[in-house]
Amino acid sequence: MAKPCSSCRKLVDWAVTPAGKPMPVDADSMDQPSGNLAVKCVGGRLRCRVLKAGESPDPDEHRGMAHWATCEHADSHRKGR
């Protein structure tokens, strides 16, 4: 379920990376050609992985955009500010 970003208020879904880390994904970015993530639902939970240059998502994945790449306030959320 998408929730608004605490800074820009854009709707964000939270996915889990292969390393088990949370990754914010723009809720309206699914299947956008510029998306840098491959996203799929596994067991009711969103999973994502970063796509390499020229790589396409697998047939069971959708293309999504990491929210930190689009949020105008992303720097304020980075560790070690």
PDB file of N, CA and C in Angstrom:
ATOM      1  N   MET A   1       0.840  -1.180   0.000  1.00  0.00           N
ATOM      2  CA  MET A   1       0.000   0.000   0.000  1.00  0.00           C
ATOM      3  C   MET A   1       0.889   1.249   0.000  1.00  0.00           C
ATOM      4  N   ALA A   2       0.684   2.095  -0.962  1.00  0.00           N
ATOM      5  CA  ALA A   2       1.500   3.302  -1.107  1.00  0.00           C
ATOM      6  C   ALA A   2       1.180   4.310   0.001  1.00  0.00           C
ATOM      7  N   LYS A   3       2.229   4.967   0.450  1.00  0.00           N
ATOM      8  CA  LYS A   3       2.094   6.021   1.462  1.00  0.00           C
ATOM      9  C   LYS A   3       2.838   7.248   0.961  1.00  0.00           C
ATOM     10  N   PRO A   4       2.433   8.443   1.390  1.00  0.00           N
ATOM     11  CA  PRO A   4       3.119   9.644   0.916  1.00  0.00           C
ATOM     12  C   PRO A   4       4.515   9.792   1.523  1.00  0.00           C
ATOM     13  N   CYS A   5       5.449  10.253   0.706  1.00  0.00           N
ATOM     14  CA  CYS A   5       6.792  10.587   1.180  1.00  0.00           C
ATOM     15  C   CYS A   5       6.653  11.685   2.228  1.00  0.00           C
ATOM     16  N   SER A   6       7.422  11.589   3.290  1.00  0.00           N
ATOM     17  CA  SER A   6       7.331  12.586   4.363  1.00  0.00           C
ATOM     18  C   SER A   6       7.850  13.955   3.937  1.00  0.00           C
ATOM     19  N   SER A   7       8.561  14.026   2.830  1.00  0.00           N
ATOM     20  CA  SER A   7       9.099  15.303   2.363  1.00  0.00           C
ATOM     21  C   SER A   7       8.312  15.897   1.204  1.00  0.00           C
ATOM     22  N   CYS A   8       8.160  15.135   0.136  1.00  0.00           N
ATOM     23  CA  CYS A   8       7.541  15.685  -1.076  1.00  0.00           C
ATOM     24  C   CYS A   8       6.077  15.296  -1.233  1.00  0.00           C
ATOM     25  N   ARG A   9       5.595  14.356  -0.418  1.00  0.00           N
ATOM     26  CA  ARG A   9       4.213  13.879  -0.405  1.00  0.00           C
ATOM     27  C   ARG A   9       3.839  13.004  -1.604  1.00  0.00           C
ATOM     28  N   LYS A  10       4.792  12.685  -2.481  1.00  0.00           N
ATOM     29  CA  LYS A  10       4.524  11.779  -3.598  1.00  0.00           C
ATOM     30  C   LYS A  10       4.299  10.375  -3.032  1.00  0.00           C
ATOM     31  N   LEU A  11       3.383   9.609  -3.636  1.00  0.00           N
ATOM     32  CA  LEU A  11       3.093   8.267  -3.143  1.00  0.00           C
ATOM     33  C   LEU A  11       4.263   7.325  -3.402  1.00  0.00           C
ATOM     34  N   VAL A  12       4.631   6.566  -2.363  1.00  0.00           N
ATOM     35  CA  VAL A  12       5.786   5.676  -2.391  1.00  0.00           C
ATOM     36  C   VAL A  12       5.380   4.300  -1.878  1.00  0.00           C
ATOM     37  N   ASP A  13       5.814   3.273  -2.581  1.00  0.00           N
ATOM     38  CA  ASP A  13       5.712   1.895  -2.102  1.00  0.00           C
ATOM     39  C   ASP A  13       7.082   1.516  -1.557  1.00  0.00           C
ATOM     40  N   TRP A  14       7.120   0.626  -0.594  1.00  0.00           N
ATOM     41  CA  TRP A  14       8.396   0.176  -0.045  1.00  0.00           C
ATOM     42  C   TRP A  14       8.644  -1.259  -0.494  1.00  0.00           C
ATOM     43  N   ALA A  15       9.794  -1.477  -1.078  1.00  0.00           N
ATOM     44  CA  ALA A  15      10.220  -2.805  -1.532  1.00  0.00           C
ATOM     45  C   ALA A  15      11.450  -3.211  -0.720  1.00  0.00           C
ATOM     46  N   VAL A  16      11.830  -4.458  -0.842  1.00  0.00           N
ATOM     47  CA  VAL A  16      13.009  -4.984  -0.150  1.00  0.00           C
ATOM     48  C   VAL A  16      14.027  -5.411  -1.211  1.00  0.00           C
ATOM     49  N   THR A  17      15.272  -4.990  -1.022  1.00  0.00           N
ATOM     50  CA  THR A  17      16.351  -5.335  -1.954  1.00  0.00           C
ATOM     51  C   THR A  17      16.847  -6.757  -1.673  1.00  0.00           C
ATOM     52  N   PRO A  18      17.653  -7.327  -2.567  1.00  0.00           N
ATOM     53  CA  PRO A  18      18.236  -8.658  -2.294  1.00  0.00           C
ATOM     54  C   PRO A  18      19.052  -8.692  -1.003  1.00  0.00           C
ATOM     55  N   ALA A  19      19.580  -7.543  -0.573  1.00  0.00           N
ATOM     56  CA  ALA A  19      20.353  -7.476   0.673  1.00  0.00           C
ATOM     57  C   ALA A  19      19.459  -7.301   1.897  1.00  0.00           C
ATOM     58  N   GLY A  20      18.135  -7.257   1.686  1.00  0.00           N
ATOM     59  CA  GLY A  20      17.201  -7.116   2.802  1.00  0.00           C
ATOM     60  C   GLY A  20      16.974  -5.687   3.248  1.00  0.00           C
ATOM     61  N   LYS A  21      17.432  -4.719   2.471  1.00  0.00           N
ATOM     62  CA  LYS A  21      17.279  -3.306   2.821  1.00  0.00           C
ATOM     63  C   LYS A  21      15.996  -2.746   2.216  1.00  0.00           C
ATOM     64  N   PRO A  22      15.332  -1.819   2.915  1.00  0.00           N
ATOM     65  CA  PRO A  22      14.135  -1.193   2.351  1.00  0.00           C
ATOM     66  C   PRO A  22      14.507  -0.203   1.245  1.00  0.00           C
ATOM     67  N   MET A  23      13.701  -0.178   0.180  1.00  0.00           N
ATOM     68  CA  MET A  23      13.932   0.717  -0.951  1.00  0.00           C
ATOM     69  C   MET A  23      12.610   1.409  -1.285  1.00  0.00           C
ATOM     70  N   PRO A  24      12.580   2.753  -1.249  1.00  0.00           N
ATOM     71  CA  PRO A  24      11.360   3.447  -1.647  1.00  0.00           C
ATOM     72  C   PRO A  24      11.230   3.449  -3.171  1.00  0.00           C
ATOM     73  N   VAL A  25      10.037   3.118  -3.653  1.00  0.00           N
ATOM     74  CA  VAL A  25       9.766   3.048  -5.087  1.00  0.00           C
ATOM     75  C   VAL A  25       8.576   3.955  -5.390  1.00  0.00           C
ATOM     76  N   ASP A  26       8.715   4.823  -6.381  1.00  0.00           N
ATOM     77  CA  ASP A  26       7.602   5.682  -6.776  1.00  0.00           C
ATOM     78  C   ASP A  26       6.413   4.812  -7.149  1.00  0.00           C
ATOM     79  N   ALA A  27       5.277   5.027  -6.490  1.00  0.00           N
ATOM     80  CA  ALA A  27       4.092   4.199  -6.725  1.00  0.00           C
ATOM     81  C   ALA A  27       3.564   4.343  -8.146  1.00  0.00           C
ATOM     82  N   ASP A  28       3.762   5.497  -8.750  1.00  0.00           N
ATOM     83  CA  ASP A  28       3.239   5.717 -10.103  1.00  0.00           C
ATOM     84  C   ASP A  28       4.253   5.392 -11.192  1.00  0.00           C
ATOM     85  N   SER A  29       5.357   4.741 -10.829  1.00  0.00           N
ATOM     86  CA  SER A  29       6.429   4.508 -11.803  1.00  0.00           C
ATOM     87  C   SER A  29       6.405   3.132 -12.441  1.00  0.00           C
ATOM     88  N   MET A  30       5.498   2.266 -12.040  1.00  0.00           N
ATOM     89  CA  MET A  30       5.513   0.906 -12.554  1.00  0.00           C
ATOM     90  C   MET A  30       5.374   0.900 -14.076  1.00  0.00           C
ATOM     91  N   ASP A  31       6.285   0.221 -14.701  1.00  0.00           N
ATOM     92  CA  ASP A  31       6.343   0.050 -16.150  1.00  0.00           C
ATOM     93  C   ASP A  31       6.703   1.330 -16.907  1.00  0.00           C
ATOM     94  N   GLN A  32       7.304   2.303 -16.226  1.00  0.00           N
ATOM     95  CA  GLN A  32       7.816   3.486 -16.911  1.00  0.00           C
ATOM     96  C   GLN A  32       9.140   3.099 -17.565  1.00  0.00           C
ATOM     97  N   PRO A  33       9.364   3.488 -18.813  1.00  0.00           N
ATOM     98  CA  PRO A  33      10.591   3.076 -19.508  1.00  0.00           C
ATOM     99  C   PRO A  33      11.874   3.569 -18.845  1.00  0.00           C
ATOM    100  N   SER A  34      11.807   4.627 -18.066  1.00  0.00           N
ATOM    101  CA  SER A  34      13.015   5.163 -17.442  1.00  0.00           C
ATOM    102  C   SER A  34      13.307   4.534 -16.077  1.00  0.00           C
ATOM    103  N   GLY A  35      12.472   3.608 -15.623  1.00  0.00           N
ATOM    104  CA  GLY A  35      12.653   3.002 -14.307  1.00  0.00           C
ATOM    105  C   GLY A  35      13.984   2.281 -14.175  1.00  0.00           C
ATOM    106  N   ASN A  36      14.610   2.410 -13.015  1.00  0.00           N
ATOM    107  CA  ASN A  36      15.922   1.810 -12.784  1.00  0.00           C
ATOM    108  C   ASN A  36      15.871   0.561 -11.907  1.00  0.00           C
ATOM    109  N   LEU A  37      14.658   0.108 -11.587  1.00  0.00           N
ATOM    110  CA  LEU A  37      14.485  -1.058 -10.725  1.00  0.00           C
ATOM    111  C   LEU A  37      13.623  -2.110 -11.408  1.00  0.00           C
ATOM    112  N   ALA A  38      13.877  -3.369 -11.077  1.00  0.00           N
ATOM    113  CA  ALA A  38      12.983  -4.467 -11.430  1.00  0.00           C
ATOM    114  C   ALA A  38      12.228  -4.804 -10.153  1.00  0.00           C
ATOM    115  N   VAL A  39      10.900  -4.754 -10.210  1.00  0.00           N
ATOM    116  CA  VAL A  39      10.062  -4.913  -9.021  1.00  0.00           C
ATOM    117  C   VAL A  39       9.057  -6.034  -9.248  1.00  0.00           C
ATOM    118  N   LYS A  40       8.863  -6.869  -8.211  1.00  0.00           N
ATOM    119  CA  LYS A  40       7.819  -7.894  -8.276  1.00  0.00           C
ATOM    120  C   LYS A  40       7.306  -8.169  -6.871  1.00  0.00           C
ATOM    121  N   CYS A  41       6.123  -8.736  -6.807  1.00  0.00           N
ATOM    122  CA  CYS A  41       5.516  -9.083  -5.528  1.00  0.00           C
ATOM    123  C   CYS A  41       5.787 -10.559  -5.258  1.00  0.00           C
ATOM    124  N   VAL A  42       6.352 -10.833  -4.096  1.00  0.00           N
ATOM    125  CA  VAL A  42       6.667 -12.206  -3.686  1.00  0.00           C
ATOM    126  C   VAL A  42       6.086 -12.408  -2.290  1.00  0.00           C
ATOM    127  N   GLY A  43       5.161 -13.321  -2.179  1.00  0.00           N
ATOM    128  CA  GLY A  43       4.567 -13.596  -0.864  1.00  0.00           C
ATOM    129  C   GLY A  43       3.893 -12.388  -0.248  1.00  0.00           C
ATOM    130  N   GLY A  44       3.303 -11.538  -1.073  1.00  0.00           N
ATOM    131  CA  GLY A  44       2.609 -10.359  -0.571  1.00  0.00           C
ATOM    132  C   GLY A  44       3.519  -9.187  -0.256  1.00  0.00           C
ATOM    133  N   ARG A  45       4.791  -9.309  -0.593  1.00  0.00           N
ATOM    134  CA  ARG A  45       5.752  -8.246  -0.300  1.00  0.00           C
ATOM    135  C   ARG A  45       6.486  -7.842  -1.575  1.00  0.00           C
ATOM    136  N   LEU A  46       6.701  -6.543  -1.762  1.00  0.00           N
ATOM    137  CA  LEU A  46       7.437  -6.077  -2.934  1.00  0.00           C
ATOM    138  C   LEU A  46       8.917  -6.364  -2.779  1.00  0.00           C
ATOM    139  N   ARG A  47       9.511  -6.886  -3.814  1.00  0.00           N
ATOM    140  CA  ARG A  47      10.953  -7.131  -3.888  1.00  0.00           C
ATOM    141  C   ARG A  47      11.482  -6.335  -5.071  1.00  0.00           C
ATOM    142  N   CYS A  48      12.700  -5.848  -4.955  1.00  0.00           N
ATOM    143  CA  CYS A  48      13.269  -5.083  -6.073  1.00  0.00           C
ATOM    144  C   CYS A  48      14.759  -5.363  -6.198  1.00  0.00           C
ATOM    145  N   ARG A  49      15.247  -5.073  -7.386  1.00  0.00           N
ATOM    146  CA  ARG A  49      16.683  -5.151  -7.645  1.00  0.00           C
ATOM    147  C   ARG A  49      17.007  -4.041  -8.634  1.00  0.00           C
ATOM    148  N   VAL A  50      18.221  -3.543  -8.561  1.00  0.00           N
ATOM    149  CA  VAL A  50      18.653  -2.477  -9.462  1.00  0.00           C
ATOM    150  C   VAL A  50      18.990  -3.088 -10.816  1.00  0.00           C
ATOM    151  N   LEU A  51      18.494  -2.455 -11.865  1.00  0.00           N
ATOM    152  CA  LEU A  51      18.794  -2.904 -13.222  1.00  0.00           C
ATOM    153  C   LEU A  51      20.109  -2.303 -13.689  1.00  0.00           C
ATOM    154  N   LYS A  52      20.928  -3.110 -14.311  1.00  0.00           N
ATOM    155  CA  LYS A  52      22.182  -2.628 -14.899  1.00  0.00           C
ATOM    156  C   LYS A  52      21.871  -1.925 -16.214  1.00  0.00           C
ATOM    157  N   ALA A  53      22.787  -1.116 -16.703  1.00  0.00           N
ATOM    158  CA  ALA A  53      22.591  -0.401 -17.968  1.00  0.00           C
ATOM    159  C   ALA A  53      22.242  -1.392 -19.079  1.00  0.00           C
ATOM    160  N   GLY A  54      21.147  -1.131 -19.785  1.00  0.00           N
ATOM    161  CA  GLY A  54      20.725  -1.978 -20.886  1.00  0.00           C
ATOM    162  C   GLY A  54      19.969  -3.227 -20.480  1.00  0.00           C
ATOM    163  N   GLU A  55      19.862  -3.498 -19.191  1.00  0.00           N
ATOM    164  CA  GLU A  55      19.168  -4.689 -18.712  1.00  0.00           C
ATOM    165  C   GLU A  55      17.658  -4.437 -18.654  1.00  0.00           C
ATOM    166  N   SER A  56      16.884  -5.445 -18.979  1.00  0.00           N
ATOM    167  CA  SER A  56      15.432  -5.368 -18.902  1.00  0.00           C
ATOM    168  C   SER A  56      14.944  -6.219 -17.730  1.00  0.00           C
ATOM    169  N   PRO A  57      13.788  -5.878 -17.180  1.00  0.00           N
ATOM    170  CA  PRO A  57      13.224  -6.732 -16.119  1.00  0.00           C
ATOM    171  C   PRO A  57      12.877  -8.111 -16.666  1.00  0.00           C
ATOM    172  N   ASP A  58      12.871  -9.113 -15.800  1.00  0.00           N
ATOM    173  CA  ASP A  58      12.425 -10.451 -16.170  1.00  0.00           C
ATOM    174  C   ASP A  58      10.925 -10.400 -16.474  1.00  0.00           C
ATOM    175  N   PRO A  59      10.389 -11.410 -17.160  1.00  0.00           N
ATOM    176  CA  PRO A  59       8.963 -11.394 -17.516  1.00  0.00           C
ATOM    177  C   PRO A  59       8.016 -11.242 -16.313  1.00  0.00           C
ATOM    178  N   ASP A  60       8.425 -11.714 -15.127  1.00  0.00           N
ATOM    179  CA  ASP A  60       7.554 -11.606 -13.955  1.00  0.00           C
ATOM    180  C   ASP A  60       7.805 -10.329 -13.141  1.00  0.00           C
ATOM    181  N   GLU A  61       8.621  -9.420 -13.654  1.00  0.00           N
ATOM    182  CA  GLU A  61       8.952  -8.168 -12.971  1.00  0.00           C
ATOM    183  C   GLU A  61       8.399  -6.970 -13.733  1.00  0.00           C
ATOM    184  N   HIS A  62       8.233  -5.879 -13.010  1.00  0.00           N
ATOM    185  CA  HIS A  62       7.836  -4.601 -13.596  1.00  0.00           C
ATOM    186  C   HIS A  62       8.993  -3.630 -13.418  1.00  0.00           C
ATOM    187  N   ARG A  63       9.048  -2.642 -14.267  1.00  0.00           N
ATOM    188  CA  ARG A  63      10.067  -1.604 -14.145  1.00  0.00           C
ATOM    189  C   ARG A  63       9.535  -0.537 -13.190  1.00  0.00           C
ATOM    190  N   GLY A  64      10.352  -0.121 -12.236  1.00  0.00           N
ATOM    191  CA  GLY A  64       9.979   0.923 -11.286  1.00  0.00           C
ATOM    192  C   GLY A  64      11.126   1.906 -11.114  1.00  0.00           C
ATOM    193  N   MET A  65      10.840   3.035 -10.460  1.00  0.00           N
ATOM    194  CA  MET A  65      11.843   4.072 -10.234  1.00  0.00           C
ATOM    195  C   MET A  65      12.077   4.242  -8.734  1.00  0.00           C
ATOM    196  N   ALA A  66      13.339   4.194  -8.332  1.00  0.00           N
ATOM    197  CA  ALA A  66      13.686   4.437  -6.931  1.00  0.00           C
ATOM    198  C   ALA A  66      13.279   5.862  -6.570  1.00  0.00           C
ATOM    199  N   HIS A  67      12.564   6.025  -5.472  1.00  0.00           N
ATOM    200  CA  HIS A  67      12.062   7.351  -5.111  1.00  0.00           C
ATOM    201  C   HIS A  67      13.179   8.349  -4.837  1.00  0.00           C
ATOM    202  N   TRP A  68      14.300   7.891  -4.318  1.00  0.00           N
ATOM    203  CA  TRP A  68      15.402   8.833  -4.050  1.00  0.00           C
ATOM    204  C   TRP A  68      15.917   9.476  -5.327  1.00  0.00           C
ATOM    205  N   ALA A  69      15.626   8.868  -6.492  1.00  0.00           N
ATOM    206  CA  ALA A  69      16.064   9.437  -7.770  1.00  0.00           C
ATOM    207  C   ALA A  69      15.134  10.554  -8.250  1.00  0.00           C
ATOM    208  N   THR A  70      13.931  10.637  -7.683  1.00  0.00           N
ATOM    209  CA  THR A  70      12.956  11.640  -8.126  1.00  0.00           C
ATOM    210  C   THR A  70      12.556  12.631  -7.044  1.00  0.00           C
ATOM    211  N   CYS A  71      12.805  12.319  -5.787  1.00  0.00           N
ATOM    212  CA  CYS A  71      12.377  13.193  -4.684  1.00  0.00           C
ATOM    213  C   CYS A  71      13.253  14.442  -4.625  1.00  0.00           C
ATOM    214  N   GLU A  72      12.627  15.590  -4.612  1.00  0.00           N
ATOM    215  CA  GLU A  72      13.389  16.847  -4.558  1.00  0.00           C
ATOM    216  C   GLU A  72      14.059  17.059  -3.203  1.00  0.00           C
ATOM    217  N   HIS A  73      13.683  16.265  -2.210  1.00  0.00           N
ATOM    218  CA  HIS A  73      14.274  16.389  -0.870  1.00  0.00           C
ATOM    219  C   HIS A  73      15.094  15.153  -0.490  1.00  0.00           C
ATOM    220  N   ALA A  74      15.541  14.390  -1.464  1.00  0.00           N
ATOM    221  CA  ALA A  74      16.230  13.124  -1.193  1.00  0.00           C
ATOM    222  C   ALA A  74      17.462  13.307  -0.294  1.00  0.00           C
ATOM    223  N   ASP A  75      18.208  14.379  -0.486  1.00  0.00           N
ATOM    224  CA  ASP A  75      19.427  14.585   0.305  1.00  0.00           C
ATOM    225  C   ASP A  75      19.139  14.671   1.798  1.00  0.00           C
ATOM    226  N   SER A  76      17.965  15.156   2.166  1.00  0.00           N
ATOM    227  CA  SER A  76      17.651  15.293   3.593  1.00  0.00           C
ATOM    228  C   SER A  76      17.386  13.938   4.260  1.00  0.00           C
ATOM    229  N   HIS A  77      17.237  12.885   3.458  1.00  0.00           N
ATOM    230  CA  HIS A  77      16.978  11.543   4.009  1.00  0.00           C
ATOM    231  C   HIS A  77      18.204  10.660   4.001  1.00  0.00           C
ATOM    232  N   ARG A  78      19.285  11.118   3.410  1.00  0.00           N
ATOM    233  CA  ARG A  78      20.491  10.301   3.332  1.00  0.00           C
ATOM    234  C   ARG A  78      21.188  10.246   4.684  1.00  0.00           C
ATOM    235  N   LYS A  79      21.771   9.105   4.973  1.00  0.00           N
ATOM    236  CA  LYS A  79      22.556   8.960   6.214  1.00  0.00           C
ATOM    237  C   LYS A  79      23.813   9.794   6.107  1.00  0.00           C
ATOM    238  N   GLY A  80      24.305  10.289   7.204  1.00  0.00           N
ATOM    239  CA  GLY A  80      25.531  11.086   7.215  1.00  0.00           C
ATOM    240  C   GLY A  80      25.335  12.469   6.650  1.00  0.00           C
ATOM    241  N   ARG A  81      24.131  12.998   6.859  1.00  0.00           N
ATOM    242  CA  ARG A  81      23.800  14.332   6.342  1.00  0.00           C
ATOM    243  C   ARG A  81      24.777  15.295   6.884  1.00  0.00           C
TER     244      ARG A  81
END
